[in-house]
Amino acid sequence: MVTVEQVMKMGPVIPVLAFKSAEEAVGVCRALYEAGIRVFEITLRHESALDAIKAVKADLPDDAIIGAGTVLSPELAKAAVDAGCAFGVSPGLTPALAEAVKALNFPFLPGVATLSEAMQAREWGFTALKFFPASVSGGPAFLKAVHSVLPDLIFCPTGGIKAGTAADYRAVPSVVTVGGSWLTPRGSDGSIDLATVKELAEEALSASDDR
């Protein structure tokens, strides 16, 4: 079992993925993997999400780490564990959800948007946090301020981050990786172009190497 801290350190960006079908998920995740991505957050926003997670796990090599995003309840946490997810991510944190993921021994990245929420998560034992929605909740400046008073916390900012702003977040000492939905844009017809996905992922990894 990997820890959520280990998951965060596996790459400069964790793609935040929402799929319409398991078939689409396999194709897109394969393109991301071929570009060098090794951690995948497949959000539970569609009824086929759990099937997509299982299909991607079956398709990709063993070094691919598959997690579930948008885990909003204890029930979804249990479903993600049962589907074989290595970690879970949530936009927020409630007492019931915190208790459930601890009972499941499920590596978990809960979301916070304020200093008080970060302090509460810390009291519950979570020191690796998702900062969401990052771009409208203070951006890198907020994270710098938090680091000055809670230096033991590490973050994966997510929400509104683009290729051109990712480096600004990663420059903050407490930021280990960023969550990115920009890697898998949908075209006007609603489809995801695999060549574009691969190119964007390669650019994201290259930009990090050039820092």
N, C-alpha and C. Protein backbone atom coordinates (compact mmCIF):
# COMPACT_ATOMS: atom_id res chain seq x y z
N MET A 1 0.84 -1.20 0.00
CA MET A 1 0.00 0.00 0.00
C MET A 1 0.88 1.25 0.00
N VAL A 2 0.57 2.20 -0.90
CA VAL A 2 1.29 3.46 -0.92
C VAL A 2 0.59 4.46 0.00
N THR A 3 1.35 5.42 0.50
CA THR A 3 0.75 6.50 1.26
C THR A 3 0.35 7.62 0.30
N VAL A 4 -0.55 8.48 0.75
CA VAL A 4 -0.95 9.58 -0.12
C VAL A 4 0.22 10.53 -0.36
N GLU A 5 1.13 10.64 0.61
CA GLU A 5 2.32 11.45 0.41
C GLU A 5 3.19 10.88 -0.70
N GLN A 6 3.33 9.56 -0.75
CA GLN A 6 4.09 8.92 -1.82
C GLN A 6 3.43 9.14 -3.18
N VAL A 7 2.12 9.06 -3.20
CA VAL A 7 1.37 9.29 -4.43
C VAL A 7 1.63 10.70 -4.95
N MET A 8 1.59 11.68 -4.06
CA MET A 8 1.78 13.07 -4.46
C MET A 8 3.18 13.31 -5.03
N LYS A 9 4.16 12.56 -4.56
CA LYS A 9 5.54 12.77 -4.98
C LYS A 9 5.90 12.04 -6.27
N MET A 10 4.94 11.33 -6.85
CA MET A 10 5.24 10.53 -8.04
C MET A 10 5.23 11.32 -9.33
N GLY A 11 4.82 12.58 -9.28
CA GLY A 11 4.84 13.38 -10.49
C GLY A 11 4.43 14.81 -10.21
N PRO A 12 4.76 15.74 -11.10
CA PRO A 12 4.45 17.15 -10.89
C PRO A 12 2.99 17.49 -11.09
N VAL A 13 2.24 16.59 -11.72
CA VAL A 13 0.82 16.84 -11.95
C VAL A 13 0.05 15.53 -11.84
N ILE A 14 -1.09 15.59 -11.18
CA ILE A 14 -2.01 14.46 -11.13
C ILE A 14 -3.22 14.83 -12.01
N PRO A 15 -3.42 14.14 -13.11
CA PRO A 15 -4.56 14.48 -13.95
C PRO A 15 -5.88 14.19 -13.25
N VAL A 16 -6.78 15.15 -13.30
CA VAL A 16 -8.12 14.99 -12.73
C VAL A 16 -9.05 14.64 -13.89
N LEU A 17 -9.58 13.42 -13.85
CA LEU A 17 -10.21 12.83 -15.03
C LEU A 17 -11.69 12.53 -14.83
N ALA A 18 -12.49 12.92 -15.80
CA ALA A 18 -13.92 12.61 -15.79
C ALA A 18 -14.26 11.96 -17.13
N PHE A 19 -14.75 10.74 -17.08
CA PHE A 19 -14.99 9.98 -18.30
C PHE A 19 -16.47 9.64 -18.49
N LYS A 20 -16.84 9.50 -19.75
CA LYS A 20 -18.21 9.13 -20.09
C LYS A 20 -18.41 7.62 -20.17
N SER A 21 -17.30 6.90 -20.30
CA SER A 21 -17.39 5.45 -20.44
C SER A 21 -16.06 4.82 -20.06
N ALA A 22 -16.08 3.52 -19.80
CA ALA A 22 -14.86 2.80 -19.49
C ALA A 22 -13.94 2.77 -20.71
N GLU A 23 -14.51 2.66 -21.89
CA GLU A 23 -13.71 2.62 -23.11
C GLU A 23 -12.93 3.93 -23.28
N GLU A 24 -13.60 5.06 -23.06
CA GLU A 24 -12.93 6.34 -23.15
C GLU A 24 -11.82 6.44 -22.12
N ALA A 25 -12.10 5.96 -20.91
CA ALA A 25 -11.12 6.02 -19.82
C ALA A 25 -9.85 5.26 -20.18
N VAL A 26 -9.99 4.09 -20.72
CA VAL A 26 -8.83 3.27 -21.07
C VAL A 26 -7.97 3.97 -22.13
N GLY A 27 -8.62 4.51 -23.15
CA GLY A 27 -7.87 5.17 -24.21
C GLY A 27 -7.10 6.39 -23.72
N VAL A 28 -7.76 7.22 -22.94
CA VAL A 28 -7.13 8.45 -22.45
C VAL A 28 -6.02 8.13 -21.44
N CYS A 29 -6.29 7.23 -20.53
CA CYS A 29 -5.27 6.89 -19.53
C CYS A 29 -4.07 6.20 -20.16
N ARG A 30 -4.30 5.42 -21.19
CA ARG A 30 -3.18 4.82 -21.90
C ARG A 30 -2.31 5.90 -22.55
N ALA A 31 -2.94 6.93 -23.13
CA ALA A 31 -2.18 8.02 -23.74
C ALA A 31 -1.39 8.79 -22.68
N LEU A 32 -2.00 9.03 -21.53
CA LEU A 32 -1.31 9.71 -20.44
C LEU A 32 -0.13 8.88 -19.93
N TYR A 33 -0.34 7.58 -19.80
CA TYR A 33 0.73 6.69 -19.33
C TYR A 33 1.90 6.69 -20.31
N GLU A 34 1.59 6.64 -21.59
CA GLU A 34 2.65 6.63 -22.60
C GLU A 34 3.44 7.94 -22.60
N ALA A 35 2.79 9.02 -22.14
CA ALA A 35 3.48 10.31 -22.06
C ALA A 35 4.36 10.41 -20.81
N GLY A 36 4.17 9.50 -19.85
CA GLY A 36 4.98 9.51 -18.65
C GLY A 36 4.23 9.70 -17.34
N ILE A 37 2.91 9.88 -17.42
CA ILE A 37 2.09 10.03 -16.22
C ILE A 37 1.95 8.67 -15.53
N ARG A 38 2.05 8.66 -14.20
CA ARG A 38 1.93 7.40 -13.47
C ARG A 38 0.83 7.42 -12.40
N VAL A 39 0.27 8.60 -12.10
CA VAL A 39 -0.81 8.70 -11.11
C VAL A 39 -2.05 9.25 -11.80
N PHE A 40 -3.20 8.63 -11.54
CA PHE A 40 -4.44 8.98 -12.22
C PHE A 40 -5.56 9.13 -11.20
N GLU A 41 -6.22 10.28 -11.20
CA GLU A 41 -7.39 10.51 -10.35
C GLU A 41 -8.64 10.47 -11.23
N ILE A 42 -9.38 9.39 -11.15
CA ILE A 42 -10.61 9.24 -11.93
C ILE A 42 -11.78 9.61 -11.03
N THR A 43 -12.44 10.70 -11.36
CA THR A 43 -13.49 11.23 -10.49
C THR A 43 -14.77 10.40 -10.59
N LEU A 44 -15.46 10.35 -9.47
CA LEU A 44 -16.71 9.58 -9.40
C LEU A 44 -17.90 10.47 -9.75
N ARG A 45 -17.80 11.12 -10.91
CA ARG A 45 -18.84 12.07 -11.33
C ARG A 45 -19.80 11.47 -12.35
N HIS A 46 -19.53 10.26 -12.79
CA HIS A 46 -20.36 9.62 -13.79
C HIS A 46 -20.68 8.21 -13.31
N GLU A 47 -21.84 7.73 -13.69
CA GLU A 47 -22.28 6.41 -13.22
C GLU A 47 -21.36 5.29 -13.66
N SER A 48 -20.56 5.52 -14.70
CA SER A 48 -19.65 4.49 -15.18
C SER A 48 -18.26 4.60 -14.56
N ALA A 49 -18.08 5.51 -13.60
CA ALA A 49 -16.74 5.79 -13.08
C ALA A 49 -16.07 4.57 -12.46
N LEU A 50 -16.80 3.82 -11.66
CA LEU A 50 -16.18 2.65 -11.02
C LEU A 50 -15.80 1.60 -12.06
N ASP A 51 -16.63 1.43 -13.09
CA ASP A 51 -16.27 0.51 -14.18
C ASP A 51 -15.03 1.02 -14.91
N ALA A 52 -14.93 2.34 -15.07
CA ALA A 52 -13.77 2.93 -15.72
C ALA A 52 -12.51 2.66 -14.91
N ILE A 53 -12.61 2.82 -13.61
CA ILE A 53 -11.45 2.56 -12.74
C ILE A 53 -10.98 1.12 -12.88
N LYS A 54 -11.90 0.19 -12.84
CA LYS A 54 -11.54 -1.22 -12.96
C LYS A 54 -10.92 -1.52 -14.33
N ALA A 55 -11.46 -0.91 -15.38
CA ALA A 55 -10.94 -1.15 -16.73
C ALA A 55 -9.54 -0.59 -16.89
N VAL A 56 -9.31 0.61 -16.35
CA VAL A 56 -7.98 1.22 -16.45
C VAL A 56 -6.96 0.41 -15.65
N LYS A 57 -7.34 -0.04 -14.47
CA LYS A 57 -6.44 -0.87 -13.66
C LYS A 57 -6.05 -2.13 -14.41
N ALA A 58 -7.00 -2.71 -15.11
CA ALA A 58 -6.73 -3.94 -15.85
C ALA A 58 -5.85 -3.69 -17.07
N ASP A 59 -5.93 -2.47 -17.64
CA ASP A 59 -5.21 -2.18 -18.88
C ASP A 59 -3.78 -1.70 -18.65
N LEU A 60 -3.57 -0.87 -17.63
CA LEU A 60 -2.25 -0.27 -17.45
C LEU A 60 -1.31 -1.18 -16.67
N PRO A 61 0.00 -1.00 -16.83
CA PRO A 61 0.98 -1.78 -16.07
C PRO A 61 0.85 -1.54 -14.56
N ASP A 62 1.50 -2.36 -13.80
CA ASP A 62 1.36 -2.34 -12.34
C ASP A 62 1.91 -1.07 -11.70
N ASP A 63 2.76 -0.33 -12.41
CA ASP A 63 3.31 0.89 -11.79
C ASP A 63 2.37 2.09 -11.91
N ALA A 64 1.24 1.89 -12.56
CA ALA A 64 0.23 2.95 -12.63
C ALA A 64 -0.57 2.95 -11.34
N ILE A 65 -0.73 4.13 -10.73
CA ILE A 65 -1.44 4.27 -9.46
C ILE A 65 -2.79 4.91 -9.75
N ILE A 66 -3.86 4.16 -9.52
CA ILE A 66 -5.21 4.62 -9.86
C ILE A 66 -5.96 5.00 -8.59
N GLY A 67 -6.46 6.23 -8.56
CA GLY A 67 -7.23 6.71 -7.42
C GLY A 67 -8.60 7.19 -7.85
N ALA A 68 -9.46 7.41 -6.86
CA ALA A 68 -10.81 7.91 -7.10
C ALA A 68 -10.92 9.34 -6.61
N GLY A 69 -11.48 10.21 -7.43
CA GLY A 69 -11.72 11.58 -7.03
C GLY A 69 -13.20 11.81 -6.75
N THR A 70 -13.50 12.97 -6.18
CA THR A 70 -14.88 13.34 -5.82
C THR A 70 -15.50 12.28 -4.91
N VAL A 71 -14.74 11.83 -3.93
CA VAL A 71 -15.24 10.88 -2.93
C VAL A 71 -15.95 11.71 -1.86
N LEU A 72 -17.27 11.74 -1.91
CA LEU A 72 -18.05 12.66 -1.10
C LEU A 72 -18.67 12.04 0.14
N SER A 73 -18.64 10.72 0.26
CA SER A 73 -19.34 10.06 1.35
C SER A 73 -18.62 8.79 1.77
N PRO A 74 -18.93 8.26 2.95
CA PRO A 74 -18.37 6.98 3.36
C PRO A 74 -18.71 5.86 2.38
N GLU A 75 -19.90 5.93 1.80
CA GLU A 75 -20.31 4.89 0.85
C GLU A 75 -19.43 4.90 -0.40
N LEU A 76 -19.13 6.10 -0.90
CA LEU A 76 -18.27 6.19 -2.08
C LEU A 76 -16.83 5.78 -1.75
N ALA A 77 -16.40 6.08 -0.54
CA ALA A 77 -15.06 5.65 -0.13
C ALA A 77 -14.97 4.13 -0.14
N LYS A 78 -15.97 3.48 0.39
CA LYS A 78 -16.00 2.01 0.41
C LYS A 78 -16.04 1.46 -1.01
N ALA A 79 -16.83 2.07 -1.88
CA ALA A 79 -16.92 1.63 -3.27
C ALA A 79 -15.58 1.78 -3.98
N ALA A 80 -14.88 2.86 -3.69
CA ALA A 80 -13.57 3.09 -4.31
C ALA A 80 -12.57 2.04 -3.86
N VAL A 81 -12.58 1.72 -2.57
CA VAL A 81 -11.70 0.68 -2.06
C VAL A 81 -12.01 -0.66 -2.71
N ASP A 82 -13.29 -0.97 -2.80
CA ASP A 82 -13.71 -2.24 -3.40
C ASP A 82 -13.33 -2.33 -4.87
N ALA A 83 -13.26 -1.16 -5.54
CA ALA A 83 -12.88 -1.14 -6.96
C ALA A 83 -11.38 -1.26 -7.16
N GLY A 84 -10.63 -1.23 -6.05
CA GLY A 84 -9.18 -1.40 -6.14
C GLY A 84 -8.39 -0.11 -6.18
N CYS A 85 -9.01 1.00 -5.82
CA CYS A 85 -8.30 2.29 -5.85
C CYS A 85 -7.18 2.31 -4.81
N ALA A 86 -6.07 2.91 -5.18
CA ALA A 86 -4.93 3.01 -4.27
C ALA A 86 -5.04 4.22 -3.35
N PHE A 87 -5.86 5.19 -3.74
CA PHE A 87 -6.04 6.39 -2.92
C PHE A 87 -7.35 7.06 -3.31
N GLY A 88 -7.79 7.97 -2.45
CA GLY A 88 -9.01 8.72 -2.72
C GLY A 88 -8.78 10.20 -2.54
N VAL A 89 -9.61 11.00 -3.21
CA VAL A 89 -9.53 12.45 -3.14
C VAL A 89 -10.94 13.01 -2.98
N SER A 90 -11.06 14.06 -2.18
CA SER A 90 -12.36 14.69 -1.99
C SER A 90 -12.20 16.20 -2.06
N PRO A 91 -13.24 16.92 -2.51
CA PRO A 91 -13.15 18.39 -2.52
C PRO A 91 -13.25 19.00 -1.13
N GLY A 92 -13.72 18.22 -0.15
CA GLY A 92 -13.86 18.71 1.21
C GLY A 92 -13.71 17.57 2.20
N LEU A 93 -14.09 17.82 3.44
CA LEU A 93 -13.96 16.78 4.47
C LEU A 93 -15.03 16.99 5.54
N THR A 94 -15.73 15.91 5.85
CA THR A 94 -16.72 15.92 6.92
C THR A 94 -16.27 14.94 8.00
N PRO A 95 -16.82 15.06 9.22
CA PRO A 95 -16.45 14.11 10.26
C PRO A 95 -16.72 12.66 9.85
N ALA A 96 -17.86 12.42 9.21
CA ALA A 96 -18.21 11.05 8.81
C ALA A 96 -17.23 10.51 7.77
N LEU A 97 -16.85 11.34 6.82
CA LEU A 97 -15.92 10.90 5.79
C LEU A 97 -14.54 10.66 6.37
N ALA A 98 -14.10 11.54 7.25
CA ALA A 98 -12.80 11.36 7.90
C ALA A 98 -12.75 10.05 8.67
N GLU A 99 -13.80 9.78 9.41
CA GLU A 99 -13.86 8.55 10.20
C GLU A 99 -13.87 7.32 9.29
N ALA A 100 -14.60 7.40 8.18
CA ALA A 100 -14.72 6.25 7.27
C ALA A 100 -13.40 5.90 6.62
N VAL A 101 -12.68 6.89 6.10
CA VAL A 101 -11.43 6.58 5.39
C VAL A 101 -10.37 6.07 6.36
N LYS A 102 -10.42 6.54 7.61
CA LYS A 102 -9.49 6.01 8.61
C LYS A 102 -9.82 4.56 8.92
N ALA A 103 -11.11 4.25 9.05
CA ALA A 103 -11.51 2.88 9.35
C ALA A 103 -11.14 1.94 8.21
N LEU A 104 -11.21 2.45 6.98
CA LEU A 104 -10.88 1.65 5.80
C LEU A 104 -9.37 1.58 5.56
N ASN A 105 -8.59 2.38 6.30
CA ASN A 105 -7.15 2.49 6.06
C ASN A 105 -6.88 2.89 4.61
N PHE A 106 -7.65 3.85 4.15
CA PHE A 106 -7.65 4.28 2.75
C PHE A 106 -6.82 5.56 2.63
N PRO A 107 -5.68 5.52 1.92
CA PRO A 107 -4.90 6.73 1.72
C PRO A 107 -5.78 7.82 1.10
N PHE A 108 -5.83 8.99 1.75
CA PHE A 108 -6.85 9.95 1.38
C PHE A 108 -6.31 11.36 1.35
N LEU A 109 -6.76 12.12 0.34
CA LEU A 109 -6.37 13.51 0.15
C LEU A 109 -7.63 14.37 0.23
N PRO A 110 -7.94 14.89 1.41
CA PRO A 110 -9.15 15.69 1.57
C PRO A 110 -8.93 17.14 1.14
N GLY A 111 -10.00 17.76 0.70
CA GLY A 111 -9.91 19.13 0.23
C GLY A 111 -10.19 20.16 1.30
N VAL A 112 -9.48 21.28 1.22
CA VAL A 112 -9.71 22.43 2.10
C VAL A 112 -9.64 23.69 1.25
N ALA A 113 -10.33 24.74 1.73
CA ALA A 113 -10.30 26.02 1.01
C ALA A 113 -9.99 27.18 1.94
N THR A 114 -9.90 26.92 3.25
CA THR A 114 -9.64 27.98 4.22
C THR A 114 -8.62 27.50 5.24
N LEU A 115 -8.07 28.45 5.98
CA LEU A 115 -7.11 28.12 7.02
C LEU A 115 -7.78 27.29 8.12
N SER A 116 -9.01 27.64 8.49
CA SER A 116 -9.72 26.89 9.53
C SER A 116 -9.95 25.44 9.09
N GLU A 117 -10.30 25.23 7.82
CA GLU A 117 -10.50 23.87 7.32
C GLU A 117 -9.18 23.10 7.34
N ALA A 118 -8.09 23.76 7.01
CA ALA A 118 -6.79 23.11 7.05
C ALA A 118 -6.43 22.71 8.48
N MET A 119 -6.72 23.58 9.43
CA MET A 119 -6.44 23.27 10.83
C MET A 119 -7.31 22.11 11.32
N GLN A 120 -8.58 22.08 10.89
CA GLN A 120 -9.45 20.98 11.30
C GLN A 120 -8.97 19.66 10.73
N ALA A 121 -8.62 19.65 9.45
CA ALA A 121 -8.12 18.43 8.83
C ALA A 121 -6.85 17.96 9.54
N ARG A 122 -6.01 18.90 9.90
CA ARG A 122 -4.77 18.59 10.62
C ARG A 122 -5.07 17.94 11.97
N GLU A 123 -6.07 18.47 12.68
CA GLU A 123 -6.45 17.89 13.97
C GLU A 123 -6.94 16.45 13.81
N TRP A 124 -7.58 16.17 12.67
CA TRP A 124 -8.07 14.82 12.40
C TRP A 124 -6.99 13.90 11.86
N GLY A 125 -5.78 14.40 11.72
CA GLY A 125 -4.67 13.55 11.31
C GLY A 125 -4.29 13.62 9.85
N PHE A 126 -4.87 14.55 9.10
CA PHE A 126 -4.57 14.68 7.67
C PHE A 126 -3.61 15.85 7.48
N THR A 127 -2.40 15.55 7.04
CA THR A 127 -1.41 16.60 6.82
C THR A 127 -1.07 16.79 5.33
N ALA A 128 -1.60 15.91 4.48
CA ALA A 128 -1.50 16.07 3.03
C ALA A 128 -2.89 16.43 2.54
N LEU A 129 -3.02 17.61 1.93
CA LEU A 129 -4.33 18.15 1.63
C LEU A 129 -4.45 18.61 0.18
N LYS A 130 -5.67 18.57 -0.31
CA LYS A 130 -6.00 19.16 -1.60
C LYS A 130 -6.49 20.59 -1.34
N PHE A 131 -5.96 21.56 -2.04
CA PHE A 131 -6.44 22.94 -1.94
C PHE A 131 -7.39 23.19 -3.10
N PHE A 132 -8.68 23.33 -2.79
CA PHE A 132 -9.70 23.40 -3.84
C PHE A 132 -10.83 24.33 -3.42
N PRO A 133 -11.37 25.13 -4.35
CA PRO A 133 -10.88 25.38 -5.72
C PRO A 133 -9.75 26.42 -5.69
N ALA A 134 -8.60 26.03 -6.14
CA ALA A 134 -7.38 26.81 -5.91
C ALA A 134 -7.42 28.21 -6.50
N SER A 135 -7.84 28.32 -7.76
CA SER A 135 -7.70 29.61 -8.45
C SER A 135 -8.62 30.68 -7.89
N VAL A 136 -9.72 30.30 -7.26
CA VAL A 136 -10.66 31.29 -6.72
C VAL A 136 -10.61 31.35 -5.20
N SER A 137 -9.68 30.61 -4.58
CA SER A 137 -9.59 30.59 -3.12
C SER A 137 -8.28 31.17 -2.61
N GLY A 138 -7.61 31.93 -3.44
CA GLY A 138 -6.40 32.60 -3.00
C GLY A 138 -5.15 32.24 -3.76
N GLY A 139 -5.20 31.15 -4.54
CA GLY A 139 -4.06 30.77 -5.38
C GLY A 139 -2.76 30.57 -4.61
N PRO A 140 -1.63 30.72 -5.27
CA PRO A 140 -0.33 30.51 -4.63
C PRO A 140 -0.11 31.40 -3.40
N ALA A 141 -0.63 32.62 -3.43
CA ALA A 141 -0.43 33.53 -2.30
C ALA A 141 -1.04 32.97 -1.02
N PHE A 142 -2.21 32.36 -1.15
CA PHE A 142 -2.84 31.74 0.02
C PHE A 142 -1.97 30.62 0.57
N LEU A 143 -1.47 29.78 -0.30
CA LEU A 143 -0.65 28.64 0.14
C LEU A 143 0.64 29.10 0.79
N LYS A 144 1.23 30.18 0.30
CA LYS A 144 2.42 30.74 0.94
C LYS A 144 2.11 31.19 2.36
N ALA A 145 0.95 31.82 2.54
CA ALA A 145 0.55 32.29 3.86
C ALA A 145 0.31 31.13 4.81
N VAL A 146 -0.35 30.08 4.31
CA VAL A 146 -0.61 28.90 5.14
C VAL A 146 0.71 28.25 5.56
N HIS A 147 1.64 28.18 4.63
CA HIS A 147 2.92 27.54 4.93
C HIS A 147 3.66 28.26 6.06
N SER A 148 3.46 29.55 6.18
CA SER A 148 4.15 30.31 7.21
C SER A 148 3.66 29.98 8.61
N VAL A 149 2.41 29.49 8.72
CA VAL A 149 1.86 29.19 10.04
C VAL A 149 1.63 27.69 10.27
N LEU A 150 1.50 26.93 9.18
CA LEU A 150 1.32 25.48 9.28
C LEU A 150 2.33 24.80 8.36
N PRO A 151 3.61 24.88 8.69
CA PRO A 151 4.65 24.39 7.78
C PRO A 151 4.69 22.88 7.63
N ASP A 152 3.96 22.14 8.48
CA ASP A 152 3.97 20.69 8.37
C ASP A 152 2.97 20.17 7.34
N LEU A 153 2.15 21.05 6.78
CA LEU A 153 1.16 20.62 5.80
C LEU A 153 1.74 20.66 4.39
N ILE A 154 1.34 19.69 3.56
CA ILE A 154 1.70 19.69 2.15
C ILE A 154 0.42 19.69 1.33
N PHE A 155 0.50 20.20 0.10
CA PHE A 155 -0.70 20.45 -0.68
C PHE A 155 -0.60 19.96 -2.13
N CYS A 156 -1.79 19.62 -2.64
CA CYS A 156 -2.01 19.42 -4.07
C CYS A 156 -3.10 20.39 -4.48
N PRO A 157 -2.75 21.61 -4.92
CA PRO A 157 -3.78 22.54 -5.36
C PRO A 157 -4.46 22.06 -6.64
N THR A 158 -5.76 22.25 -6.70
CA THR A 158 -6.56 21.77 -7.83
C THR A 158 -7.70 22.75 -8.07
N GLY A 159 -8.04 22.96 -9.32
CA GLY A 159 -9.18 23.79 -9.64
C GLY A 159 -8.77 25.09 -10.30
N GLY A 160 -8.98 25.16 -11.62
CA GLY A 160 -8.64 26.38 -12.35
C GLY A 160 -7.18 26.53 -12.71
N ILE A 161 -6.38 25.50 -12.40
CA ILE A 161 -4.95 25.56 -12.73
C ILE A 161 -4.76 25.20 -14.19
N LYS A 162 -3.90 25.93 -14.87
CA LYS A 162 -3.61 25.68 -16.28
C LYS A 162 -2.11 25.50 -16.48
N ALA A 163 -1.75 25.14 -17.69
CA ALA A 163 -0.33 24.92 -17.98
C ALA A 163 0.50 26.14 -17.62
N GLY A 164 -0.04 27.33 -17.87
CA GLY A 164 0.71 28.54 -17.64
C GLY A 164 0.81 28.97 -16.19
N THR A 165 0.00 28.40 -15.32
CA THR A 165 0.02 28.79 -13.90
C THR A 165 0.53 27.69 -12.98
N ALA A 166 0.69 26.49 -13.48
CA ALA A 166 1.11 25.36 -12.64
C ALA A 166 2.44 25.63 -11.95
N ALA A 167 3.38 26.24 -12.65
CA ALA A 167 4.70 26.51 -12.08
C ALA A 167 4.61 27.47 -10.90
N ASP A 168 3.67 28.41 -10.95
CA ASP A 168 3.52 29.36 -9.84
C ASP A 168 3.13 28.63 -8.55
N TYR A 169 2.28 27.61 -8.69
CA TYR A 169 1.88 26.82 -7.52
C TYR A 169 3.04 25.94 -7.04
N ARG A 170 3.72 25.29 -7.96
CA ARG A 170 4.81 24.39 -7.57
C ARG A 170 5.99 25.13 -6.95
N ALA A 171 6.05 26.43 -7.15
CA ALA A 171 7.12 27.23 -6.53
C ALA A 171 6.90 27.43 -5.04
N VAL A 172 5.69 27.16 -4.56
CA VAL A 172 5.39 27.29 -3.13
C VAL A 172 5.99 26.09 -2.40
N PRO A 173 6.71 26.28 -1.31
CA PRO A 173 7.41 25.18 -0.64
C PRO A 173 6.52 24.02 -0.23
N SER A 174 5.27 24.30 0.13
CA SER A 174 4.38 23.24 0.61
C SER A 174 3.67 22.49 -0.50
N VAL A 175 3.81 22.92 -1.73
CA VAL A 175 3.13 22.27 -2.86
C VAL A 175 4.01 21.16 -3.42
N VAL A 176 3.48 19.95 -3.39
CA VAL A 176 4.22 18.78 -3.87
C VAL A 176 3.87 18.48 -5.32
N THR A 177 2.61 18.64 -5.66
CA THR A 177 2.13 18.38 -7.01
C THR A 177 0.87 19.20 -7.22
N VAL A 178 0.38 19.27 -8.45
CA VAL A 178 -0.86 19.99 -8.73
C VAL A 178 -1.85 19.05 -9.41
N GLY A 179 -3.12 19.32 -9.22
CA GLY A 179 -4.16 18.56 -9.91
C GLY A 179 -4.54 19.28 -11.18
N GLY A 180 -4.61 18.55 -12.28
CA GLY A 180 -4.86 19.22 -13.56
C GLY A 180 -5.91 18.56 -14.42
N SER A 181 -6.96 19.30 -14.72
CA SER A 181 -7.94 18.82 -15.70
C SER A 181 -7.61 19.34 -17.09
N TRP A 182 -6.62 20.26 -17.18
CA TRP A 182 -6.29 20.83 -18.49
C TRP A 182 -5.62 19.81 -19.41
N LEU A 183 -5.18 18.68 -18.86
CA LEU A 183 -4.51 17.67 -19.70
C LEU A 183 -5.46 16.93 -20.61
N THR A 184 -6.75 16.97 -20.31
CA THR A 184 -7.71 16.17 -21.09
C THR A 184 -8.89 17.03 -21.55
N PRO A 185 -8.64 18.05 -22.37
CA PRO A 185 -9.73 18.92 -22.83
C PRO A 185 -10.66 18.18 -23.80
N ARG A 186 -11.91 18.56 -23.74
CA ARG A 186 -12.88 18.01 -24.69
C ARG A 186 -13.09 19.00 -25.84
N GLY A 187 -13.18 18.47 -27.04
CA GLY A 187 -13.42 19.30 -28.20
C GLY A 187 -14.87 19.73 -28.30
N SER A 188 -15.20 20.47 -29.34
CA SER A 188 -16.57 20.96 -29.52
C SER A 188 -17.57 19.83 -29.69
N ASP A 189 -17.09 18.66 -30.11
CA ASP A 189 -17.97 17.50 -30.27
C ASP A 189 -18.05 16.66 -29.00
N GLY A 190 -17.37 17.09 -27.93
CA GLY A 190 -17.42 16.37 -26.66
C GLY A 190 -16.40 15.27 -26.52
N SER A 191 -15.57 15.06 -27.53
CA SER A 191 -14.59 13.98 -27.47
C SER A 191 -13.25 14.49 -26.96
N ILE A 192 -12.41 13.56 -26.52
CA ILE A 192 -11.06 13.87 -26.05
C ILE A 192 -10.07 13.34 -27.08
N ASP A 193 -9.27 14.23 -27.64
CA ASP A 193 -8.30 13.84 -28.66
C ASP A 193 -7.05 13.27 -28.00
N LEU A 194 -6.72 12.03 -28.29
CA LEU A 194 -5.62 11.36 -27.60
C LEU A 194 -4.26 11.97 -27.93
N ALA A 195 -4.07 12.42 -29.15
CA ALA A 195 -2.80 13.05 -29.51
C ALA A 195 -2.60 14.34 -28.71
N THR A 196 -3.66 15.10 -28.52
CA THR A 196 -3.59 16.32 -27.73
C THR A 196 -3.27 16.00 -26.28
N VAL A 197 -3.92 14.98 -25.74
CA VAL A 197 -3.67 14.55 -24.37
C VAL A 197 -2.20 14.21 -24.16
N LYS A 198 -1.67 13.44 -25.06
CA LYS A 198 -0.27 13.03 -24.93
C LYS A 198 0.66 14.23 -25.01
N GLU A 199 0.38 15.15 -25.92
CA GLU A 199 1.21 16.34 -26.08
C GLU A 199 1.17 17.21 -24.82
N LEU A 200 -0.03 17.43 -24.27
CA LEU A 200 -0.17 18.26 -23.07
C LEU A 200 0.52 17.63 -21.86
N ALA A 201 0.42 16.31 -21.76
CA ALA A 201 1.07 15.62 -20.64
C ALA A 201 2.58 15.71 -20.75
N GLU A 202 3.10 15.51 -21.95
CA GLU A 202 4.54 15.61 -22.15
C GLU A 202 5.05 17.02 -21.86
N GLU A 203 4.26 18.03 -22.25
CA GLU A 203 4.64 19.42 -21.98
C GLU A 203 4.66 19.69 -20.48
N ALA A 204 3.66 19.16 -19.76
CA ALA A 204 3.59 19.37 -18.32
C ALA A 204 4.79 18.75 -17.61
N LEU A 205 5.16 17.56 -18.03
CA LEU A 205 6.31 16.89 -17.41
C LEU A 205 7.61 17.59 -17.78
N SER A 206 7.72 18.07 -19.00
CA SER A 206 8.93 18.75 -19.45
C SER A 206 9.09 20.09 -18.74
N ALA A 207 7.97 20.80 -18.56
CA ALA A 207 8.03 22.10 -17.88
C ALA A 207 8.51 21.94 -16.46
N SER A 208 8.10 20.86 -15.81
CA SER A 208 8.55 20.61 -14.45
C SER A 208 10.03 20.31 -14.40
N ASP A 209 10.51 19.55 -15.36
CA ASP A 209 11.93 19.20 -15.40
C ASP A 209 12.81 20.42 -15.64
N ASP A 210 12.23 21.44 -16.31
CA ASP A 210 13.02 22.62 -16.67
C ASP A 210 13.05 23.67 -15.56
N ARG A 211 12.35 23.43 -14.44
CA ARG A 211 12.29 24.45 -13.39
C ARG A 211 13.70 24.78 -12.86
